[in-house]
Amino acid sequence: MSIAVTNLTRIYGTQKAVDGISFTVNKGEIVGFLGPNGAGKSTTMKVITGYLEASDGSVQVCGIPVRDNTSETKKKIGYLPEANPLYYDMYVREYLDFISNVHAVPDKIKKIEATIAQVGLTLEANKKIGQLSKGYKQRVGLAAALIHDPEVLILDEPTSGLDPNQIVEIREVIKNLGKEKTVLFSSHILQEVQAICDRVVIISKGKIVADDTLTNLQKGNKEDQSVLVQFQESISKNALEKLRDVQAIEQLQPTNPPTGQTGFKLHTRNPESVRKQLLELSLQNNWNIVSLQTESNSLEEVFRSLTNQPINE
């Protein structure tokens, strides 16, 4: 496993920013790290990368303890911090040459050109960093994180400031990198997480509140699931009230008067049972079901239920 966080705690003065959290990330896995502002995401990432020391607990990167071998673990990690510090008076190639020297990158000229192409900086490579848009500055930071070919990528808000086209391009870069590297990245854009991640770790008030695949998380809220059903015929709401395991029934509007179709949303904690009952009931009454599906919770709904606050609070 590439990242192993065990009972990690980080205290600032009297504030416990990270409170005894544990999770792992395996090689070739892309994991989204989510949480409200101030939840402890950036602090955790800084401890993993060795920029902050843990108050308690341990972190290992590629089997190497970070606390005792910071210089060795930094060789394994490519880090794009949220602030993305850059030297604005340096040219793009000049800056990447500087970073290559820091990491003692072999055949650095070839590697610099390959990385510039990889992150889509070719047309901007002859400019000073200070002349670039925020989106291209972000690409320079990503290039710097990749230049030494690390095994682990830690990306804190990697698509911040990018326009929609750039977001799609960087998304593809990250997905391709995830085929060979371990990627842990945070984002406030939930659509990005859904498009890129294999798994999500959600932190709130310094504690892990979820660690699972997106599919399982979206199915995991048993308190509020629903089944959507559309009948070819005009069916009354009363005809469905005898169904077991149904907490509430909503008739979907608008109905479709020209064909007489009717639709319903059935709130339940047991969608499989309700689906089976609907099929049996339709056979008994010779009803025709046009569509029948379970409605999953969106990632935003899962996030809100676990953290009890909107994504940008």
Protein backbone atom coordinates (compact mmCIF):
# COMPACT_ATOMS: atom_id res chain seq x y z
CA MET A 1 0.00 0.00 0.00
CA SER A 2 1.29 3.46 -0.92
CA ILE A 3 -0.21 5.60 1.87
CA ALA A 4 -1.02 4.37 5.37
CA VAL A 5 -2.36 6.87 7.92
CA THR A 6 -2.78 5.42 11.42
CA ASN A 7 -4.41 7.25 14.35
CA LEU A 8 -3.11 10.57 13.03
CA THR A 9 -3.60 13.60 15.27
CA ARG A 10 -2.42 17.15 14.64
CA ILE A 11 -2.91 19.90 17.24
CA TYR A 12 -2.48 23.65 16.74
CA GLY A 13 -2.24 25.21 20.18
CA THR A 14 -5.46 24.12 21.85
CA GLN A 15 -7.23 23.20 18.59
CA LYS A 16 -7.26 19.58 17.43
CA ALA A 17 -7.30 19.99 13.65
CA VAL A 18 -7.02 16.25 12.95
CA ASP A 19 -8.33 13.82 15.54
CA GLY A 20 -7.04 10.23 15.42
CA ILE A 21 -7.85 9.45 11.77
CA SER A 22 -6.83 6.29 9.90
CA PHE A 23 -7.08 5.34 6.21
CA THR A 24 -5.01 3.72 3.47
CA VAL A 25 -4.56 4.30 -0.26
CA ASN A 26 -3.28 1.54 -2.52
CA LYS A 27 -1.10 1.78 -5.61
CA GLY A 28 -3.06 2.60 -8.75
CA GLU A 29 -5.97 4.00 -6.72
CA ILE A 30 -7.43 7.51 -7.08
CA VAL A 31 -9.01 8.60 -3.81
CA GLY A 32 -10.97 11.81 -3.27
CA PHE A 33 -10.45 13.52 0.08
CA LEU A 34 -13.54 15.58 0.90
CA GLY A 35 -14.66 17.76 3.75
CA PRO A 36 -15.92 21.24 4.61
CA ASN A 37 -13.45 24.10 4.88
CA GLY A 38 -11.50 23.70 8.13
CA ALA A 39 -12.24 19.98 8.40
CA GLY A 40 -8.56 18.97 8.37
CA LYS A 41 -7.95 18.03 4.71
CA SER A 42 -4.98 20.28 4.00
CA THR A 43 -3.45 19.58 7.42
CA THR A 44 -3.61 15.84 6.76
CA MET A 45 -2.02 16.27 3.33
CA LYS A 46 0.78 18.40 4.78
CA VAL A 47 1.54 15.71 7.38
CA ILE A 48 1.59 12.98 4.70
CA THR A 49 4.02 15.02 2.61
CA GLY A 50 6.26 15.81 5.59
CA TYR A 51 5.62 19.57 5.60
CA LEU A 52 4.01 19.28 9.04
CA GLU A 53 4.84 16.88 11.85
CA ALA A 54 2.12 14.76 13.43
CA SER A 55 1.26 15.44 17.07
CA ASP A 56 0.45 11.75 17.45
CA GLY A 57 -0.06 8.66 15.29
CA SER A 58 1.92 7.67 12.22
CA VAL A 59 2.05 8.02 8.43
CA GLN A 60 3.86 5.73 6.01
CA VAL A 61 4.48 6.39 2.33
CA CYS A 62 5.47 3.36 0.24
CA GLY A 63 6.22 1.52 3.49
CA ILE A 64 8.55 4.26 4.80
CA PRO A 65 7.64 6.11 8.04
CA VAL A 66 7.37 9.83 7.24
CA ARG A 67 8.39 11.05 10.71
CA ASP A 68 11.80 9.36 10.62
CA ASN A 69 12.53 9.56 6.89
CA THR A 70 11.08 12.82 5.61
CA SER A 71 13.70 13.30 2.88
CA GLU A 72 13.20 9.75 1.60
CA THR A 73 9.40 9.95 1.54
CA LYS A 74 9.52 13.33 -0.24
CA LYS A 75 11.31 11.59 -3.11
CA LYS A 76 8.28 9.31 -3.44
CA ILE A 77 5.73 12.14 -3.39
CA GLY A 78 4.60 14.77 -5.88
CA TYR A 79 2.75 17.52 -4.02
CA LEU A 80 0.53 20.29 -5.40
CA PRO A 81 -0.50 22.45 -2.43
CA GLU A 82 -3.65 24.54 -2.52
CA ALA A 83 -1.67 27.82 -2.44
CA ASN A 84 0.65 26.58 -5.25
CA PRO A 85 3.72 28.74 -4.48
CA LEU A 86 5.62 29.68 -7.66
CA TYR A 87 8.45 32.01 -8.70
CA TYR A 88 6.60 34.46 -10.93
CA ASP A 89 9.77 36.03 -12.39
CA MET A 90 11.00 32.69 -13.73
CA TYR A 91 10.11 31.29 -17.14
CA VAL A 92 8.17 28.01 -17.20
CA ARG A 93 11.10 25.94 -18.45
CA GLU A 94 13.50 27.76 -16.15
CA TYR A 95 11.33 26.94 -13.13
CA LEU A 96 10.95 23.28 -14.09
CA ASP A 97 14.71 23.11 -14.64
CA PHE A 98 15.18 24.46 -11.09
CA ILE A 99 12.76 21.85 -9.66
CA SER A 100 14.50 19.12 -11.68
CA ASN A 101 17.83 20.09 -10.12
CA VAL A 102 16.31 19.93 -6.64
CA HIS A 103 15.20 16.35 -7.34
CA ALA A 104 18.36 15.44 -9.31
CA VAL A 105 16.21 14.30 -12.24
CA PRO A 106 18.21 12.31 -14.82
CA ASP A 107 17.98 13.38 -18.47
CA LYS A 108 16.15 16.47 -17.25
CA ILE A 109 15.75 18.29 -20.58
CA LYS A 110 13.83 15.38 -22.07
CA LYS A 111 11.79 14.99 -18.88
CA ILE A 112 10.92 18.70 -18.76
CA GLU A 113 9.60 18.68 -22.34
CA ALA A 114 7.61 15.48 -21.74
CA THR A 115 6.03 16.92 -18.57
CA ILE A 116 5.20 20.23 -20.27
CA ALA A 117 3.34 18.29 -22.97
CA GLN A 118 1.69 16.02 -20.41
CA VAL A 119 0.02 18.88 -18.54
CA GLY A 120 -0.78 20.96 -21.63
CA LEU A 121 1.73 23.78 -21.20
CA THR A 122 3.40 23.62 -24.61
CA LEU A 123 1.95 26.90 -25.93
CA GLU A 124 2.81 28.76 -22.70
CA ALA A 125 6.22 27.25 -22.02
CA ASN A 126 8.20 30.32 -23.22
CA LYS A 127 6.40 32.76 -20.91
CA LYS A 128 7.20 33.94 -17.44
CA ILE A 129 5.02 32.27 -14.82
CA GLY A 130 3.72 35.66 -13.68
CA GLN A 131 2.26 36.24 -17.18
CA LEU A 132 0.14 33.09 -17.06
CA SER A 133 -3.53 32.83 -16.19
CA LYS A 134 -4.45 31.18 -12.90
CA GLY A 135 -5.33 27.98 -14.74
CA TYR A 136 -1.93 27.76 -16.42
CA LYS A 137 -0.17 28.59 -13.15
CA GLN A 138 -1.99 25.57 -11.73
CA ARG A 139 -0.60 23.45 -14.58
CA VAL A 140 2.92 24.64 -13.77
CA GLY A 141 2.39 23.48 -10.18
CA LEU A 142 1.18 20.11 -11.42
CA ALA A 143 4.19 19.82 -13.73
CA ALA A 144 6.50 20.55 -10.79
CA ALA A 145 4.77 17.81 -8.79
CA LEU A 146 5.29 15.32 -11.65
CA ILE A 147 8.80 16.22 -12.83
CA HIS A 148 10.63 13.63 -10.69
CA ASP A 149 8.19 10.82 -11.58
CA PRO A 150 6.88 10.21 -8.04
CA GLU A 151 5.00 7.08 -7.00
CA VAL A 152 2.45 9.07 -4.97
CA LEU A 153 0.62 12.27 -5.94
CA ILE A 154 -0.94 14.52 -3.31
CA LEU A 155 -3.10 17.15 -5.02
CA ASP A 156 -4.85 19.82 -2.95
CA GLU A 157 -7.60 21.42 -5.09
CA PRO A 158 -5.86 20.62 -8.43
CA THR A 159 -8.61 22.10 -10.63
CA SER A 160 -8.95 25.35 -8.69
CA GLY A 161 -9.17 28.32 -11.06
CA LEU A 162 -9.45 26.29 -14.25
CA ASP A 163 -12.09 26.94 -16.89
CA PRO A 164 -14.44 24.07 -17.89
CA ASN A 165 -12.26 22.97 -20.84
CA GLN A 166 -9.12 22.98 -18.70
CA ILE A 167 -10.88 21.03 -15.97
CA VAL A 168 -11.72 18.26 -18.44
CA GLU A 169 -8.11 18.20 -19.68
CA ILE A 170 -6.60 18.04 -16.17
CA ARG A 171 -9.18 15.42 -15.22
CA GLU A 172 -7.90 13.21 -18.02
CA VAL A 173 -4.30 13.81 -16.92
CA ILE A 174 -5.14 12.74 -13.36
CA LYS A 175 -7.08 9.68 -14.54
CA ASN A 176 -4.16 8.58 -16.70
CA LEU A 177 -1.70 9.14 -13.86
CA GLY A 178 -3.88 7.00 -11.62
CA LYS A 179 -3.21 3.98 -13.82
CA GLU A 180 0.38 3.86 -12.58
CA LYS A 181 0.52 6.06 -9.49
CA THR A 182 -1.31 6.51 -6.22
CA VAL A 183 -3.37 9.71 -6.23
CA LEU A 184 -4.94 11.41 -3.21
CA PHE A 185 -6.66 14.66 -4.07
CA SER A 186 -9.04 17.07 -2.41
CA SER A 187 -11.67 19.09 -4.19
CA HIS A 188 -14.76 21.18 -3.53
CA ILE A 189 -16.13 20.24 -6.96
CA LEU A 190 -18.13 17.09 -6.31
CA GLN A 191 -18.63 16.43 -10.03
CA GLU A 192 -14.85 16.16 -10.36
CA VAL A 193 -14.71 13.61 -7.58
CA GLN A 194 -17.43 11.55 -9.24
CA ALA A 195 -15.64 11.72 -12.60
CA ILE A 196 -12.19 10.77 -11.33
CA CYS A 197 -12.28 8.81 -8.07
CA ASP A 198 -12.41 5.12 -7.25
CA ARG A 199 -13.07 5.84 -3.59
CA VAL A 200 -13.92 8.75 -1.31
CA VAL A 201 -12.71 9.59 2.19
CA ILE A 202 -14.81 12.26 3.91
CA ILE A 203 -13.48 14.17 6.92
CA SER A 204 -15.52 16.44 9.17
CA LYS A 205 -14.33 18.32 12.26
CA GLY A 206 -11.04 16.42 12.17
CA LYS A 207 -12.59 12.94 12.07
CA ILE A 208 -13.21 10.45 9.24
CA VAL A 209 -16.97 10.12 8.75
CA ALA A 210 -16.90 7.96 5.58
CA ASP A 211 -14.43 5.81 3.62
CA ASP A 212 -16.01 3.83 0.78
CA THR A 213 -16.63 3.59 -2.95
CA LEU A 214 -18.94 6.17 -4.49
CA THR A 215 -21.49 3.47 -5.31
CA ASN A 216 -21.67 2.23 -1.73
CA LEU A 217 -21.83 5.74 -0.31
CA GLN A 218 -24.70 6.68 -2.58
CA LYS A 219 -26.59 3.55 -1.56
CA GLY A 220 -25.58 3.82 2.07
CA ASN A 221 -28.22 6.19 3.42
CA LYS A 222 -30.88 3.65 4.29
CA GLU A 223 -33.05 6.27 5.95
CA ASP A 224 -34.02 7.99 2.71
CA GLN A 225 -34.04 5.92 -0.46
CA SER A 226 -36.74 5.90 -3.05
CA VAL A 227 -38.20 3.84 -5.87
CA LEU A 228 -39.50 5.53 -9.01
CA VAL A 229 -42.25 3.73 -10.91
CA GLN A 230 -44.14 4.73 -14.06
CA PHE A 231 -47.33 2.89 -15.07
CA GLN A 232 -48.82 2.81 -18.56
CA GLU A 233 -52.28 3.06 -17.01
CA SER A 234 -53.85 5.65 -14.74
CA ILE A 235 -53.29 4.23 -11.25
CA SER A 236 -54.57 5.84 -8.06
CA LYS A 237 -52.22 6.58 -5.20
CA ASN A 238 -54.54 4.60 -2.90
CA ALA A 239 -53.78 1.44 -4.87
CA LEU A 240 -50.18 1.52 -3.65
CA GLU A 241 -50.80 2.29 0.02
CA LYS A 242 -50.85 -1.39 1.04
CA LEU A 243 -47.23 -1.88 -0.01
CA ARG A 244 -44.97 -2.85 2.89
CA ASP A 245 -41.78 -0.94 3.77
CA VAL A 246 -43.05 2.32 2.24
CA GLN A 247 -42.83 5.45 4.40
CA ALA A 248 -44.41 7.90 1.95
CA ILE A 249 -45.79 8.01 -1.61
CA GLU A 250 -45.55 11.01 -3.94
CA GLN A 251 -47.44 11.17 -7.23
CA LEU A 252 -45.09 12.60 -9.80
CA GLN A 253 -46.25 15.68 -11.65
CA PRO A 254 -47.09 16.35 -14.31
CA THR A 255 -48.91 13.19 -15.23
CA ASN A 256 -49.35 12.38 -18.89
CA PRO A 257 -53.11 12.78 -19.66
CA PRO A 258 -52.95 11.91 -23.38
CA THR A 259 -51.73 8.37 -22.61
CA GLY A 260 -53.05 8.08 -19.08
CA GLN A 261 -49.64 7.22 -17.65
CA THR A 262 -49.00 7.85 -13.95
CA GLY A 263 -45.78 7.93 -11.97
CA PHE A 264 -44.94 7.67 -8.29
CA LYS A 265 -41.97 8.15 -5.98
CA LEU A 266 -42.03 5.72 -3.06
CA HIS A 267 -39.80 6.55 -0.07
CA THR A 268 -38.44 3.42 1.57
CA ARG A 269 -35.61 1.88 3.57
CA ASN A 270 -35.89 -1.34 1.60
CA PRO A 271 -36.02 -0.56 -2.14
CA GLU A 272 -35.49 -4.15 -3.25
CA SER A 273 -38.56 -5.31 -1.33
CA VAL A 274 -40.68 -2.46 -2.76
CA ARG A 275 -39.56 -3.17 -6.32
CA LYS A 276 -40.51 -6.84 -5.92
CA GLN A 277 -43.93 -5.92 -4.48
CA LEU A 278 -44.59 -3.51 -7.34
CA LEU A 279 -43.88 -6.22 -9.90
CA GLU A 280 -46.17 -8.66 -8.08
CA LEU A 281 -48.93 -6.05 -7.76
CA SER A 282 -48.73 -5.17 -11.44
CA LEU A 283 -49.10 -8.83 -12.41
CA GLN A 284 -52.10 -9.26 -10.12
CA ASN A 285 -53.87 -6.20 -11.54
CA ASN A 286 -52.67 -6.50 -15.14
CA TRP A 287 -50.84 -3.17 -14.95
CA ASN A 288 -48.01 -2.32 -17.32
CA ILE A 289 -44.86 -0.86 -15.74
CA VAL A 290 -43.11 1.52 -18.15
CA SER A 291 -40.11 2.12 -15.88
CA LEU A 292 -38.94 1.00 -12.45
CA GLN A 293 -35.75 2.17 -10.78
CA THR A 294 -34.11 2.88 -7.45
CA GLU A 295 -33.04 6.48 -6.99
CA SER A 296 -29.56 6.76 -5.49
CA ASN A 297 -28.51 9.61 -3.28
CA SER A 298 -26.30 12.15 -5.01
CA LEU A 299 -22.78 12.64 -3.67
CA GLU A 300 -23.83 16.12 -2.54
CA GLU A 301 -26.69 14.64 -0.49
CA VAL A 302 -24.31 12.11 1.06
CA PHE A 303 -21.83 14.88 1.85
CA ARG A 304 -24.49 17.04 3.48
CA SER A 305 -25.86 14.17 5.56
CA LEU A 306 -22.40 13.22 6.83
CA THR A 307 -21.08 16.72 7.53
CA ASN A 308 -24.37 18.52 8.25
CA GLN A 309 -23.40 21.52 6.18
CA PRO A 310 -23.26 22.65 2.55
CA ILE A 311 -20.11 22.02 0.54
CA ASN A 312 -18.83 25.64 0.64
CA GLU A 313 -19.45 26.47 4.27
